[in-house]
């Protein structure tokens, strides 16, 4: 009897864990679909009032979203977003010739914000070399977003905010 009770408890715990994982995966997929709605051209300003242009484009049969970001006075940058288990992965291709990877785990199926945290990078000899370390994407409404990027060099973080509106 005791073994049967333990087996039932173990099966219930496994089922609960599976449901939680399924809910997280579903949230990631739903949040990614929200990112797909960003398709198109966007214009705005950085924190200093300089112009910024970006575009979002679904690619690879809708399994990734490609962003091409062109801040004033900087070279163009490219980021690819894709579902990664219970999260969304961002692979950033930077003019500094390193490729930071970041990951956000959505808090719900319709998040107001995705907080992409650094998980590693290609072509980065060590973490003290300058690189994009974090990006928070804030959905204000269907036609307005804010991207808050954090550039890290050594122990110093430099925030860059881009306030963007959909170009009609």
Protein backbone atom coordinates (compact mmCIF):
# COMPACT_ATOMS: atom_id res chain seq x y z
CA UNK A 1 0.00 0.00 0.00
CA UNK A 2 2.80 2.38 0.93
CA UNK A 3 4.54 1.80 -2.43
CA UNK A 4 1.25 2.42 -4.25
CA UNK A 5 0.77 5.78 -2.44
CA UNK A 6 4.35 6.82 -3.26
CA UNK A 7 3.85 5.82 -6.90
CA UNK A 8 0.63 7.87 -7.11
CA UNK A 9 2.40 10.89 -5.55
CA UNK A 10 5.31 10.54 -7.98
CA UNK A 11 2.95 10.30 -10.96
CA UNK A 12 1.00 13.37 -9.82
CA UNK A 13 4.21 15.36 -9.33
CA UNK A 14 5.38 14.34 -12.81
CA UNK A 15 2.03 15.38 -14.31
CA UNK A 16 2.15 18.76 -12.54
CA UNK A 17 5.71 19.38 -13.77
CA UNK A 18 4.72 18.42 -17.31
CA UNK A 19 1.71 20.79 -17.21
CA UNK A 20 3.90 23.63 -15.89
CA UNK A 21 6.48 23.04 -18.63
CA UNK A 22 3.70 22.90 -21.26
CA UNK A 23 2.26 26.20 -19.96
CA UNK A 24 5.71 27.84 -20.12
CA UNK A 25 6.27 26.54 -23.66
CA UNK A 26 2.82 27.79 -24.65
CA UNK A 27 3.65 31.21 -23.13
CA UNK A 28 6.89 31.33 -25.13
CA UNK A 29 5.07 30.42 -28.34
CA UNK A 30 2.33 32.99 -27.71
CA UNK A 31 4.88 35.70 -26.82
CA UNK A 32 6.78 34.85 -30.00
CA UNK A 33 3.56 35.28 -32.02
CA UNK A 34 3.27 38.72 -30.41
CA UNK A 35 6.78 39.47 -31.65
CA UNK A 36 5.69 38.41 -35.15
CA UNK A 37 3.11 41.25 -35.08
CA UNK A 38 6.04 43.70 -35.06
CA UNK A 39 6.60 42.95 -38.76
CA UNK A 40 7.32 46.11 -40.71
CA UNK A 41 9.25 49.36 -40.52
CA UNK A 42 9.66 51.37 -37.32
CA UNK A 43 11.12 54.83 -36.67
CA UNK A 44 11.86 56.72 -33.51
CA UNK A 45 14.44 58.38 -31.35
CA UNK A 46 17.10 57.38 -28.88
CA UNK A 47 17.35 58.90 -25.39
CA UNK A 48 19.26 61.90 -26.82
CA UNK A 49 16.64 62.57 -29.51
CA UNK A 50 18.68 61.13 -32.39
CA UNK A 51 16.78 59.23 -35.11
CA UNK A 52 16.59 55.44 -35.04
CA UNK A 53 15.19 53.06 -37.67
CA UNK A 54 14.45 49.37 -37.29
CA UNK A 55 12.57 46.72 -39.19
CA UNK A 56 11.16 43.36 -38.18
CA UNK A 57 10.67 40.53 -40.64
CA UNK A 58 9.48 36.95 -40.05
CA UNK A 59 11.96 34.56 -41.70
CA UNK A 60 12.54 30.82 -42.12
CA UNK A 61 8.86 29.88 -42.48
CA UNK A 62 7.92 31.97 -39.45
CA UNK A 63 10.30 30.20 -37.05
CA UNK A 64 12.42 33.32 -36.53
CA UNK A 65 12.01 37.09 -36.52
CA UNK A 66 14.86 39.17 -37.93
CA UNK A 67 15.38 42.71 -36.69
CA UNK A 68 17.68 45.14 -38.47
CA UNK A 69 18.41 48.09 -36.17
CA UNK A 70 20.09 51.29 -37.38
CA UNK A 71 20.69 53.86 -34.63
CA UNK A 72 21.97 57.28 -35.68
CA UNK A 73 25.76 57.43 -35.82
CA UNK A 74 26.16 53.67 -35.44
CA UNK A 75 26.51 50.82 -37.89
CA UNK A 76 23.52 48.58 -38.58
CA UNK A 77 22.96 45.64 -36.21
CA UNK A 78 21.01 42.44 -36.81
CA UNK A 79 19.18 40.30 -34.28
CA UNK A 80 17.37 37.00 -34.75
CA UNK A 81 14.64 35.93 -32.32
CA UNK A 82 13.33 32.35 -32.08
CA UNK A 83 11.46 30.13 -29.64
CA UNK A 84 13.81 28.12 -27.42
CA UNK A 85 11.88 25.72 -25.17
CA UNK A 86 10.10 27.82 -22.55
CA UNK A 87 11.78 31.04 -23.71
CA UNK A 88 12.72 33.19 -26.66
CA UNK A 89 16.34 33.37 -27.75
CA UNK A 90 17.96 36.45 -29.23
CA UNK A 91 21.14 36.12 -31.30
CA UNK A 92 22.65 39.58 -31.88
CA UNK A 93 25.13 40.29 -34.68
CA UNK A 94 27.09 43.37 -33.73
CA UNK A 95 29.45 45.63 -35.73
CA UNK A 96 32.06 44.92 -33.02
CA UNK A 97 32.25 41.40 -34.53
CA UNK A 98 30.89 39.49 -31.57
CA UNK A 99 27.59 37.67 -31.38
CA UNK A 100 25.92 37.87 -27.96
CA UNK A 101 23.14 35.41 -27.19
CA UNK A 102 20.36 36.37 -24.81
CA UNK A 103 17.22 34.65 -23.60
CA UNK A 104 13.89 35.81 -22.17
CA UNK A 105 11.33 33.62 -20.42
CA UNK A 106 7.91 35.28 -20.82
CA UNK A 107 5.92 35.81 -17.64
CA UNK A 108 2.66 35.21 -19.53
CA UNK A 109 1.28 34.45 -22.98
CA UNK A 110 0.77 38.21 -23.53
CA UNK A 111 3.75 39.88 -21.85
CA UNK A 112 4.12 43.65 -21.75
CA UNK A 113 7.87 43.14 -21.60
CA UNK A 114 10.49 40.61 -22.61
CA UNK A 115 13.75 40.77 -20.64
CA UNK A 116 16.55 39.19 -22.67
CA UNK A 117 19.49 38.25 -20.40
CA UNK A 118 23.01 37.40 -21.61
CA UNK A 119 23.72 33.66 -21.89
CA UNK A 120 26.99 33.70 -23.86
CA UNK A 121 28.53 34.95 -27.08
CA UNK A 122 30.38 33.91 -30.15
CA UNK A 123 33.70 35.57 -30.95
CA UNK A 124 33.97 37.18 -27.50
CA UNK A 125 37.39 36.36 -26.00
CA UNK A 126 36.18 37.18 -22.47
CA UNK A 127 33.24 38.94 -20.85
CA UNK A 128 35.25 42.12 -20.13
CA UNK A 129 35.31 42.92 -23.87
CA UNK A 130 32.52 45.29 -24.92
CA UNK A 131 29.28 43.57 -25.93
CA UNK A 132 25.51 43.90 -25.80
CA UNK A 133 24.59 42.24 -22.51
CA UNK A 134 20.86 42.73 -22.11
CA UNK A 135 17.82 43.93 -24.03
CA UNK A 136 14.41 44.67 -22.61
CA UNK A 137 11.65 44.91 -25.21
CA UNK A 138 8.63 46.81 -23.91
CA UNK A 139 5.33 46.57 -25.81
CA UNK A 140 3.56 49.90 -25.22
CA UNK A 141 0.74 49.24 -27.70
CA UNK A 142 0.35 47.78 -31.20
CA UNK A 143 2.22 50.73 -32.77
CA UNK A 144 4.77 51.70 -30.09
CA UNK A 145 7.65 49.79 -28.50
CA UNK A 146 10.76 50.63 -26.52
CA UNK A 147 14.00 48.69 -26.72
CA UNK A 148 16.38 49.15 -23.80
CA UNK A 149 19.80 47.74 -24.70
CA UNK A 150 22.67 47.45 -22.22
CA UNK A 151 26.23 47.63 -23.56
CA UNK A 152 28.72 46.12 -21.09
CA UNK A 153 32.44 46.85 -21.19
CA UNK A 154 34.43 45.57 -18.24
CA UNK A 155 32.34 46.33 -15.16
CA UNK A 156 30.62 49.32 -16.76
CA UNK A 157 27.09 49.16 -18.20
CA UNK A 158 25.89 51.77 -20.68
CA UNK A 159 22.13 51.83 -21.34
CA UNK A 160 20.73 52.72 -24.77
CA UNK A 161 16.99 53.35 -25.10
CA UNK A 162 15.19 53.40 -28.43
CA UNK A 163 11.57 54.62 -28.50
CA UNK A 164 9.97 53.38 -31.72
CA UNK A 165 6.69 53.87 -33.57
CA UNK A 166 5.36 51.78 -36.43
CA UNK A 167 5.81 53.54 -39.77
CA UNK A 168 2.53 53.58 -41.70
